[in-house]
Amino acid sequence: MNAPDRYERFVVPEGTKKVSYERDTKIVNAASFTVEREDHTIGNILRMQLHRDPNVLFAGYKLPHPLQYKIIVRIQTTSQSSPTQAYNQAIDDLDKELDYLKKGFEDEKNRYEEKLRQGY
């Protein structure tokens, strides 16, 4: 079979950046971010978070090829922001949302374990 080994889907090769940036020379305030070793899961979440930003005019992603384990995220912003600022803000916001979700699960787990200890 010609498919690469499974671990290559997740492990970023040495010397390769996780995220690379390329400014669009034809469209003002537009850029592409190539994210290595990610797929639709991160691409769609990131796209949706970018759409929440009022300064983002366009946000989309694509997988160039099924055997290339990377996504390309394209962002265009208004003049009040830059694609880099929008990307970083989206990542920070998602990080906060995931922390909030993790805390909620841990709190509920602790309540459940406490009920078990009390014999309920």
C-alpha atoms as a PDB file:
ATOM      1  CA  MET A   1       0.000   0.000   0.000  1.00  0.00           C
ATOM      2  CA  ASN A   2       1.255   3.511  -0.795  1.00  0.00           C
ATOM      3  CA  ALA A   3      -0.222   5.186   2.279  1.00  0.00           C
ATOM      4  CA  PRO A   4       2.231   6.629   4.808  1.00  0.00           C
ATOM      5  CA  ASP A   5       2.586   5.100   8.278  1.00  0.00           C
ATOM      6  CA  ARG A   6      -0.216   6.030  10.706  1.00  0.00           C
ATOM      7  CA  TYR A   7       2.040   7.903  13.120  1.00  0.00           C
ATOM      8  CA  GLU A   8       2.912  10.359  10.341  1.00  0.00           C
ATOM      9  CA  ARG A   9      -0.604  11.788  10.655  1.00  0.00           C
ATOM     10  CA  PHE A  10       0.189  13.171  14.117  1.00  0.00           C
ATOM     11  CA  VAL A  11       3.934  13.636  14.547  1.00  0.00           C
ATOM     12  CA  VAL A  12       5.353  16.860  13.124  1.00  0.00           C
ATOM     13  CA  PRO A  13       8.702  16.044  11.510  1.00  0.00           C
ATOM     14  CA  GLU A  14      11.787  17.600  13.055  1.00  0.00           C
ATOM     15  CA  GLY A  15      12.618  20.932  11.459  1.00  0.00           C
ATOM     16  CA  THR A  16       9.019  21.513  10.321  1.00  0.00           C
ATOM     17  CA  LYS A  17       6.975  24.346  11.824  1.00  0.00           C
ATOM     18  CA  LYS A  18       3.530  23.468  13.177  1.00  0.00           C
ATOM     19  CA  VAL A  19       2.045  26.652  11.674  1.00  0.00           C
ATOM     20  CA  SER A  20       3.417  28.658   8.777  1.00  0.00           C
ATOM     21  CA  TYR A  21       2.144  31.992   7.487  1.00  0.00           C
ATOM     22  CA  GLU A  22       1.940  33.313   3.938  1.00  0.00           C
ATOM     23  CA  ARG A  23       0.626  36.787   3.147  1.00  0.00           C
ATOM     24  CA  ASP A  24      -1.633  37.124   0.114  1.00  0.00           C
ATOM     25  CA  THR A  25      -0.092  39.599  -2.330  1.00  0.00           C
ATOM     26  CA  LYS A  26      -3.263  40.100  -4.386  1.00  0.00           C
ATOM     27  CA  ILE A  27      -5.887  40.674  -1.678  1.00  0.00           C
ATOM     28  CA  VAL A  28      -5.540  43.309   1.049  1.00  0.00           C
ATOM     29  CA  ASN A  29      -5.526  41.974   4.639  1.00  0.00           C
ATOM     30  CA  ALA A  30      -5.578  38.341   3.530  1.00  0.00           C
ATOM     31  CA  ALA A  31      -3.276  35.467   4.386  1.00  0.00           C
ATOM     32  CA  SER A  32      -2.982  31.693   4.476  1.00  0.00           C
ATOM     33  CA  PHE A  33      -1.895  29.664   7.472  1.00  0.00           C
ATOM     34  CA  THR A  34      -0.682  26.112   6.882  1.00  0.00           C
ATOM     35  CA  VAL A  35      -1.203  23.953   9.965  1.00  0.00           C
ATOM     36  CA  GLU A  36       0.752  20.703   9.893  1.00  0.00           C
ATOM     37  CA  ARG A  37      -0.664  17.401  11.119  1.00  0.00           C
ATOM     38  CA  GLU A  38      -4.262  18.582  11.511  1.00  0.00           C
ATOM     39  CA  ASP A  39      -7.518  17.727   9.744  1.00  0.00           C
ATOM     40  CA  HIS A  40     -11.202  18.691   9.530  1.00  0.00           C
ATOM     41  CA  THR A  41     -11.606  18.595  13.319  1.00  0.00           C
ATOM     42  CA  ILE A  42      -9.359  21.595  13.932  1.00  0.00           C
ATOM     43  CA  GLY A  43     -10.077  23.225  10.577  1.00  0.00           C
ATOM     44  CA  ASN A  44     -13.820  23.450  11.118  1.00  0.00           C
ATOM     45  CA  ILE A  45     -13.584  24.569  14.753  1.00  0.00           C
ATOM     46  CA  LEU A  46     -11.068  27.253  13.845  1.00  0.00           C
ATOM     47  CA  ARG A  47     -13.149  28.428  10.874  1.00  0.00           C
ATOM     48  CA  MET A  48     -16.263  28.724  13.013  1.00  0.00           C
ATOM     49  CA  GLN A  49     -14.394  30.663  15.699  1.00  0.00           C
ATOM     50  CA  LEU A  50     -13.001  33.044  13.084  1.00  0.00           C
ATOM     51  CA  HIS A  51     -16.539  33.684  11.803  1.00  0.00           C
ATOM     52  CA  ARG A  52     -17.477  34.991  15.266  1.00  0.00           C
ATOM     53  CA  ASP A  53     -14.963  37.832  14.884  1.00  0.00           C
ATOM     54  CA  PRO A  54     -16.649  40.941  13.395  1.00  0.00           C
ATOM     55  CA  ASN A  55     -13.339  41.986  11.787  1.00  0.00           C
ATOM     56  CA  VAL A  56     -13.095  38.771   9.743  1.00  0.00           C
ATOM     57  CA  LEU A  57     -14.541  39.122   6.247  1.00  0.00           C
ATOM     58  CA  PHE A  58     -13.657  35.594   5.096  1.00  0.00           C
ATOM     59  CA  ALA A  59     -12.450  32.453   6.832  1.00  0.00           C
ATOM     60  CA  GLY A  60     -12.181  29.025   5.265  1.00  0.00           C
ATOM     61  CA  TYR A  61      -9.951  25.992   5.227  1.00  0.00           C
ATOM     62  CA  LYS A  62      -9.092  23.106   2.951  1.00  0.00           C
ATOM     63  CA  LEU A  63      -7.197  19.859   3.018  1.00  0.00           C
ATOM     64  CA  PRO A  64      -4.956  19.952  -0.055  1.00  0.00           C
ATOM     65  CA  HIS A  65      -4.816  16.152  -0.411  1.00  0.00           C
ATOM     66  CA  PRO A  66      -5.990  13.157   1.683  1.00  0.00           C
ATOM     67  CA  LEU A  67      -2.432  11.850   2.027  1.00  0.00           C
ATOM     68  CA  GLN A  68      -0.999  15.239   3.056  1.00  0.00           C
ATOM     69  CA  TYR A  69      -1.702  15.730   6.742  1.00  0.00           C
ATOM     70  CA  LYS A  70      -2.184  19.469   6.860  1.00  0.00           C
ATOM     71  CA  ILE A  71      -4.857  22.106   6.500  1.00  0.00           C
ATOM     72  CA  ILE A  72      -4.647  25.508   4.881  1.00  0.00           C
ATOM     73  CA  VAL A  73      -6.670  28.221   6.624  1.00  0.00           C
ATOM     74  CA  ARG A  74      -7.410  31.381   4.614  1.00  0.00           C
ATOM     75  CA  ILE A  75      -8.392  34.566   6.423  1.00  0.00           C
ATOM     76  CA  GLN A  76      -9.336  38.026   5.178  1.00  0.00           C
ATOM     77  CA  THR A  77      -9.964  40.827   7.659  1.00  0.00           C
ATOM     78  CA  THR A  78     -11.092  44.438   7.706  1.00  0.00           C
ATOM     79  CA  SER A  79      -8.532  47.219   8.016  1.00  0.00           C
ATOM     80  CA  GLN A  80      -9.086  47.274  11.817  1.00  0.00           C
ATOM     81  CA  SER A  81      -7.381  43.887  12.190  1.00  0.00           C
ATOM     82  CA  SER A  82      -4.871  41.629  10.504  1.00  0.00           C
ATOM     83  CA  PRO A  83      -5.152  37.946   9.622  1.00  0.00           C
ATOM     84  CA  THR A  84      -2.457  37.165  12.212  1.00  0.00           C
ATOM     85  CA  GLN A  85      -4.355  39.008  14.945  1.00  0.00           C
ATOM     86  CA  ALA A  86      -7.600  37.240  14.007  1.00  0.00           C
ATOM     87  CA  TYR A  87      -5.886  33.830  13.955  1.00  0.00           C
ATOM     88  CA  ASN A  88      -4.214  34.377  17.334  1.00  0.00           C
ATOM     89  CA  GLN A  89      -7.429  35.695  18.882  1.00  0.00           C
ATOM     90  CA  ALA A  90      -9.400  32.689  17.598  1.00  0.00           C
ATOM     91  CA  ILE A  91      -6.818  30.279  19.056  1.00  0.00           C
ATOM     92  CA  ASP A  92      -6.880  32.108  22.428  1.00  0.00           C
ATOM     93  CA  ASP A  93     -10.695  32.106  22.508  1.00  0.00           C
ATOM     94  CA  LEU A  94     -10.850  28.395  21.692  1.00  0.00           C
ATOM     95  CA  ASP A  95      -8.283  27.681  24.402  1.00  0.00           C
ATOM     96  CA  LYS A  96     -10.465  29.517  26.961  1.00  0.00           C
ATOM     97  CA  GLU A  97     -13.605  27.679  25.813  1.00  0.00           C
ATOM     98  CA  LEU A  98     -11.879  24.313  26.124  1.00  0.00           C
ATOM     99  CA  ASP A  99     -10.600  25.201  29.611  1.00  0.00           C
ATOM    100  CA  TYR A 100     -14.158  26.135  30.615  1.00  0.00           C
ATOM    101  CA  LEU A 101     -15.498  22.860  29.199  1.00  0.00           C
ATOM    102  CA  LYS A 102     -12.775  20.832  30.933  1.00  0.00           C
ATOM    103  CA  LYS A 103     -13.520  22.534  34.264  1.00  0.00           C
ATOM    104  CA  GLY A 104     -17.239  21.768  33.867  1.00  0.00           C
ATOM    105  CA  PHE A 105     -16.523  18.077  33.253  1.00  0.00           C
ATOM    106  CA  GLU A 106     -14.116  17.881  36.194  1.00  0.00           C
ATOM    107  CA  ASP A 107     -16.615  19.600  38.528  1.00  0.00           C
ATOM    108  CA  GLU A 108     -19.373  17.206  37.495  1.00  0.00           C
ATOM    109  CA  LYS A 109     -17.063  14.196  37.881  1.00  0.00           C
ATOM    110  CA  ASN A 110     -16.105  15.353  41.379  1.00  0.00           C
ATOM    111  CA  ARG A 111     -19.790  15.787  42.348  1.00  0.00           C
ATOM    112  CA  TYR A 112     -20.561  12.310  41.043  1.00  0.00           C
ATOM    113  CA  GLU A 113     -17.632  10.737  42.907  1.00  0.00           C
ATOM    114  CA  GLU A 114     -18.679  12.540  46.114  1.00  0.00           C
ATOM    115  CA  LYS A 115     -22.213  11.125  45.791  1.00  0.00           C
ATOM    116  CA  LEU A 116     -20.758   7.632  45.339  1.00  0.00           C
ATOM    117  CA  ARG A 117     -18.657   8.053  48.507  1.00  0.00           C
ATOM    118  CA  GLN A 118     -21.746   9.122  50.437  1.00  0.00           C
ATOM    119  CA  GLY A 119     -23.618   6.043  49.284  1.00  0.00           C
ATOM    120  CA  TYR A 120     -26.187   7.601  46.942  1.00  0.00           C
END
